[in-house]
Each structure stands twice: as C-alpha cells, then as structure tokens.
Amino acid sequence: MPRNKFITVVVFTAMLGALSSTFAAEHHERGGHVMACSLHGVNPVHHPAIFGDPAVAKSYGFVQTSDGKWVVEKNCRRHPRAT
C-alpha cells in the first residue's frame, strides 16, 4: 500500500507542476499591466489593445514619435482613467 501512495503523490506532483508552468506561460504571454504615464518595463508589442490604437494610448499618457517610438507625453499626470 505505501508504494501506491508514493506513486500517487509523484503523479499528482508532476501534474501540478505541469499545470503551474502552463499557467505561468499563459500569464507571461498576456504581458502584465500598463500604468498610466509609465513605460517602465513595458513592451508595446505585448499590449496591442493599448498601443494599437493611438487614442487609447493617449488615454494612458503615451504618444508615438515620428520615428515610431512610444514616449510618455509631457506633463502626464497619473489619474484614474474613465472606462
């Protein structure tokens, strides 16, 4: 009987590990979150819903330069965005 319990624990642990890594991979693909007036640690490619629409990006305080880079607009203030 102890051998069956050991095998059960090993299988359960392996399944839990596989599910955890899958969740972590999915979470990473979502790209985290974006804070208004801060591009710190943000890759615009991972946030097409924001940076794909200039009006939405502007609501976060971001503007695109003529060379295609995203920057925080001058005098940007963090405030709760109206959604």
N, C-alpha and C. Protein backbone atom coordinates (compact mmCIF):
# COMPACT_ATOMS: atom_id res chain seq x y z
N MET A 1 0.80 -1.21 0.00
CA MET A 1 0.00 0.00 0.00
C MET A 1 0.84 1.28 0.00
N PRO A 2 1.94 1.38 0.77
CA PRO A 2 2.74 2.60 0.76
C PRO A 2 3.29 2.93 -0.63
N ARG A 3 3.60 1.89 -1.43
CA ARG A 3 4.12 2.14 -2.77
C ARG A 3 3.07 2.83 -3.63
N ASN A 4 1.82 2.42 -3.52
CA ASN A 4 0.74 3.05 -4.29
C ASN A 4 0.57 4.52 -3.88
N LYS A 5 0.70 4.81 -2.60
CA LYS A 5 0.59 6.19 -2.14
C LYS A 5 1.74 7.02 -2.71
N PHE A 6 2.93 6.46 -2.71
CA PHE A 6 4.09 7.15 -3.24
C PHE A 6 3.89 7.48 -4.72
N ILE A 7 3.44 6.51 -5.49
CA ILE A 7 3.20 6.72 -6.93
C ILE A 7 2.12 7.78 -7.13
N THR A 8 1.09 7.73 -6.32
CA THR A 8 0.02 8.73 -6.42
C THR A 8 0.56 10.13 -6.15
N VAL A 9 1.38 10.26 -5.12
CA VAL A 9 1.95 11.57 -4.78
C VAL A 9 2.86 12.06 -5.91
N VAL A 10 3.66 11.19 -6.48
CA VAL A 10 4.56 11.58 -7.56
C VAL A 10 3.76 12.03 -8.79
N VAL A 11 2.74 11.28 -9.14
CA VAL A 11 1.90 11.64 -10.30
C VAL A 11 1.19 12.97 -10.04
N PHE A 12 0.65 13.13 -8.85
CA PHE A 12 -0.05 14.37 -8.51
C PHE A 12 0.91 15.56 -8.58
N THR A 13 2.11 15.41 -8.05
CA THR A 13 3.11 16.49 -8.07
C THR A 13 3.50 16.83 -9.50
N ALA A 14 3.68 15.84 -10.33
CA ALA A 14 4.03 16.09 -11.74
C ALA A 14 2.91 16.84 -12.45
N MET A 15 1.67 16.44 -12.20
CA MET A 15 0.53 17.11 -12.83
C MET A 15 0.43 18.56 -12.35
N LEU A 16 0.63 18.78 -11.06
CA LEU A 16 0.57 20.12 -10.51
C LEU A 16 1.67 21.00 -11.11
N GLY A 17 2.85 20.44 -11.26
CA GLY A 17 3.96 21.18 -11.88
C GLY A 17 3.66 21.56 -13.32
N ALA A 18 3.08 20.63 -14.06
CA ALA A 18 2.74 20.91 -15.46
C ALA A 18 1.68 22.00 -15.55
N LEU A 19 0.69 21.94 -14.69
CA LEU A 19 -0.36 22.97 -14.70
C LEU A 19 0.21 24.33 -14.29
N SER A 20 1.10 24.34 -13.33
CA SER A 20 1.71 25.60 -12.87
C SER A 20 2.51 26.25 -13.98
N SER A 21 3.31 25.46 -14.69
CA SER A 21 4.13 26.04 -15.75
C SER A 21 3.27 26.52 -16.90
N THR A 22 2.18 25.82 -17.18
CA THR A 22 1.25 26.26 -18.22
C THR A 22 0.63 27.60 -17.84
N PHE A 23 0.20 27.72 -16.60
CA PHE A 23 -0.39 28.97 -16.13
C PHE A 23 0.63 30.10 -16.22
N ALA A 24 1.86 29.84 -15.80
CA ALA A 24 2.90 30.86 -15.83
C ALA A 24 3.17 31.30 -17.27
N ALA A 25 3.21 30.38 -18.19
CA ALA A 25 3.46 30.72 -19.60
C ALA A 25 2.31 31.56 -20.15
N GLU A 26 1.08 31.21 -19.82
CA GLU A 26 -0.06 31.98 -20.29
C GLU A 26 -0.05 33.37 -19.70
N HIS A 27 0.30 33.48 -18.42
CA HIS A 27 0.34 34.79 -17.77
C HIS A 27 1.42 35.66 -18.42
N HIS A 28 2.55 35.09 -18.73
CA HIS A 28 3.64 35.84 -19.35
C HIS A 28 3.23 36.35 -20.73
N GLU A 29 2.48 35.55 -21.48
CA GLU A 29 2.07 35.97 -22.82
C GLU A 29 1.12 37.16 -22.76
N ARG A 30 0.36 37.28 -21.69
CA ARG A 30 -0.56 38.40 -21.57
C ARG A 30 0.19 39.71 -21.37
N GLY A 31 1.41 39.65 -20.88
CA GLY A 31 2.24 40.84 -20.81
C GLY A 31 2.08 41.69 -19.58
N GLY A 32 1.43 41.25 -18.55
CA GLY A 32 1.33 42.04 -17.33
C GLY A 32 0.38 43.20 -17.47
N HIS A 33 0.72 44.35 -16.87
CA HIS A 33 -0.17 45.50 -16.91
C HIS A 33 0.60 46.76 -17.27
N VAL A 34 -0.14 47.76 -17.67
CA VAL A 34 0.43 49.04 -18.06
C VAL A 34 -0.15 50.10 -17.14
N MET A 35 0.73 50.92 -16.57
CA MET A 35 0.29 52.02 -15.71
C MET A 35 0.34 53.32 -16.50
N ALA A 36 -0.61 54.18 -16.25
CA ALA A 36 -0.63 55.47 -16.93
C ALA A 36 0.65 56.24 -16.62
N CYS A 37 1.15 56.92 -17.61
CA CYS A 37 2.33 57.79 -17.50
C CYS A 37 3.62 57.04 -17.19
N SER A 38 3.68 55.74 -17.42
CA SER A 38 4.91 55.00 -17.17
C SER A 38 5.10 53.91 -18.21
N LEU A 39 6.22 53.97 -18.89
CA LEU A 39 6.58 52.93 -19.84
C LEU A 39 7.63 52.00 -19.25
N HIS A 40 7.91 52.14 -17.97
CA HIS A 40 8.92 51.33 -17.30
C HIS A 40 8.57 49.85 -17.40
N GLY A 41 9.42 49.08 -18.08
CA GLY A 41 9.21 47.64 -18.21
C GLY A 41 8.12 47.24 -19.18
N VAL A 42 7.63 48.17 -19.97
CA VAL A 42 6.52 47.89 -20.88
C VAL A 42 7.05 47.70 -22.30
N ASN A 43 6.67 46.60 -22.93
CA ASN A 43 6.96 46.38 -24.33
C ASN A 43 5.65 46.56 -25.08
N PRO A 44 5.51 47.63 -25.86
CA PRO A 44 4.26 47.90 -26.57
C PRO A 44 3.75 46.74 -27.42
N VAL A 45 4.65 45.90 -27.90
CA VAL A 45 4.24 44.76 -28.72
C VAL A 45 3.33 43.82 -27.92
N HIS A 46 3.54 43.74 -26.63
CA HIS A 46 2.74 42.84 -25.79
C HIS A 46 1.40 43.44 -25.38
N HIS A 47 1.12 44.67 -25.80
CA HIS A 47 -0.13 45.34 -25.42
C HIS A 47 -0.79 45.97 -26.64
N PRO A 48 -1.19 45.16 -27.61
CA PRO A 48 -1.79 45.71 -28.83
C PRO A 48 -3.11 46.43 -28.58
N ALA A 49 -3.82 46.06 -27.54
CA ALA A 49 -5.10 46.73 -27.25
C ALA A 49 -4.87 48.19 -26.87
N ILE A 50 -3.71 48.50 -26.31
CA ILE A 50 -3.39 49.87 -25.92
C ILE A 50 -2.63 50.59 -27.03
N PHE A 51 -1.52 50.00 -27.46
CA PHE A 51 -0.64 50.69 -28.40
C PHE A 51 -1.06 50.52 -29.86
N GLY A 52 -2.05 49.69 -30.11
CA GLY A 52 -2.57 49.54 -31.46
C GLY A 52 -3.56 50.63 -31.82
N ASP A 53 -4.01 51.37 -30.82
CA ASP A 53 -4.98 52.45 -31.02
C ASP A 53 -4.42 53.72 -30.39
N PRO A 54 -4.01 54.68 -31.20
CA PRO A 54 -3.40 55.90 -30.65
C PRO A 54 -4.29 56.63 -29.63
N ALA A 55 -5.60 56.57 -29.79
CA ALA A 55 -6.50 57.24 -28.83
C ALA A 55 -6.44 56.56 -27.46
N VAL A 56 -6.38 55.23 -27.45
CA VAL A 56 -6.28 54.51 -26.19
C VAL A 56 -4.92 54.77 -25.56
N ALA A 57 -3.87 54.74 -26.37
CA ALA A 57 -2.52 55.01 -25.85
C ALA A 57 -2.46 56.41 -25.24
N LYS A 58 -3.10 57.37 -25.89
CA LYS A 58 -3.11 58.74 -25.36
C LYS A 58 -3.85 58.82 -24.04
N SER A 59 -4.88 57.99 -23.87
CA SER A 59 -5.60 58.00 -22.60
C SER A 59 -4.72 57.50 -21.45
N TYR A 60 -3.68 56.75 -21.77
CA TYR A 60 -2.70 56.31 -20.78
C TYR A 60 -1.56 57.32 -20.64
N GLY A 61 -1.53 58.33 -21.52
CA GLY A 61 -0.48 59.34 -21.47
C GLY A 61 0.69 59.06 -22.40
N PHE A 62 0.49 58.22 -23.40
CA PHE A 62 1.57 57.87 -24.32
C PHE A 62 1.31 58.46 -25.70
N VAL A 63 2.38 58.90 -26.34
CA VAL A 63 2.30 59.38 -27.71
C VAL A 63 3.43 58.74 -28.50
N GLN A 64 3.22 58.62 -29.80
CA GLN A 64 4.22 58.00 -30.66
C GLN A 64 5.00 59.09 -31.37
N THR A 65 6.32 58.96 -31.36
CA THR A 65 7.16 59.95 -32.03
C THR A 65 7.18 59.67 -33.52
N SER A 66 7.77 60.59 -34.27
CA SER A 66 7.81 60.43 -35.73
C SER A 66 8.63 59.21 -36.16
N ASP A 67 9.55 58.77 -35.31
CA ASP A 67 10.33 57.57 -35.66
C ASP A 67 9.69 56.28 -35.14
N GLY A 68 8.47 56.36 -34.59
CA GLY A 68 7.73 55.17 -34.18
C GLY A 68 7.89 54.75 -32.74
N LYS A 69 8.73 55.46 -31.96
CA LYS A 69 8.90 55.12 -30.55
C LYS A 69 7.74 55.67 -29.73
N TRP A 70 7.38 54.93 -28.69
CA TRP A 70 6.35 55.40 -27.76
C TRP A 70 7.03 56.11 -26.60
N VAL A 71 6.52 57.28 -26.24
CA VAL A 71 7.05 58.05 -25.12
C VAL A 71 5.88 58.53 -24.26
N VAL A 72 6.20 58.90 -23.03
CA VAL A 72 5.20 59.49 -22.14
C VAL A 72 5.09 60.96 -22.52
N GLU A 73 3.86 61.44 -22.72
CA GLU A 73 3.70 62.83 -23.11
C GLU A 73 4.09 63.76 -21.96
N LYS A 74 4.55 64.95 -22.32
CA LYS A 74 4.97 65.92 -21.31
C LYS A 74 3.80 66.26 -20.39
N ASN A 75 4.13 66.50 -19.15
CA ASN A 75 3.15 66.88 -18.13
C ASN A 75 2.08 65.81 -17.91
N CYS A 76 2.41 64.57 -18.15
CA CYS A 76 1.46 63.48 -17.93
C CYS A 76 1.21 63.33 -16.43
N ARG A 77 -0.03 63.18 -16.08
CA ARG A 77 -0.40 63.01 -14.67
C ARG A 77 -1.14 61.69 -14.52
N ARG A 78 -0.74 60.97 -13.50
CA ARG A 78 -1.45 59.71 -13.21
C ARG A 78 -2.78 60.04 -12.57
N HIS A 79 -3.80 59.60 -13.21
CA HIS A 79 -5.15 59.77 -12.68
C HIS A 79 -5.97 58.58 -13.10
N PRO A 80 -7.01 58.28 -12.35
CA PRO A 80 -7.86 57.15 -12.75
C PRO A 80 -8.48 57.42 -14.12
N ARG A 81 -8.27 56.48 -15.02
CA ARG A 81 -8.84 56.62 -16.36
C ARG A 81 -10.33 56.32 -16.31
N ALA A 82 -11.09 57.05 -17.04
CA ALA A 82 -12.51 56.75 -17.17
C ALA A 82 -12.66 55.61 -18.14
N THR A 83 -13.34 54.55 -17.72
CA THR A 83 -13.53 53.41 -18.61
C THR A 83 -14.97 53.22 -18.95
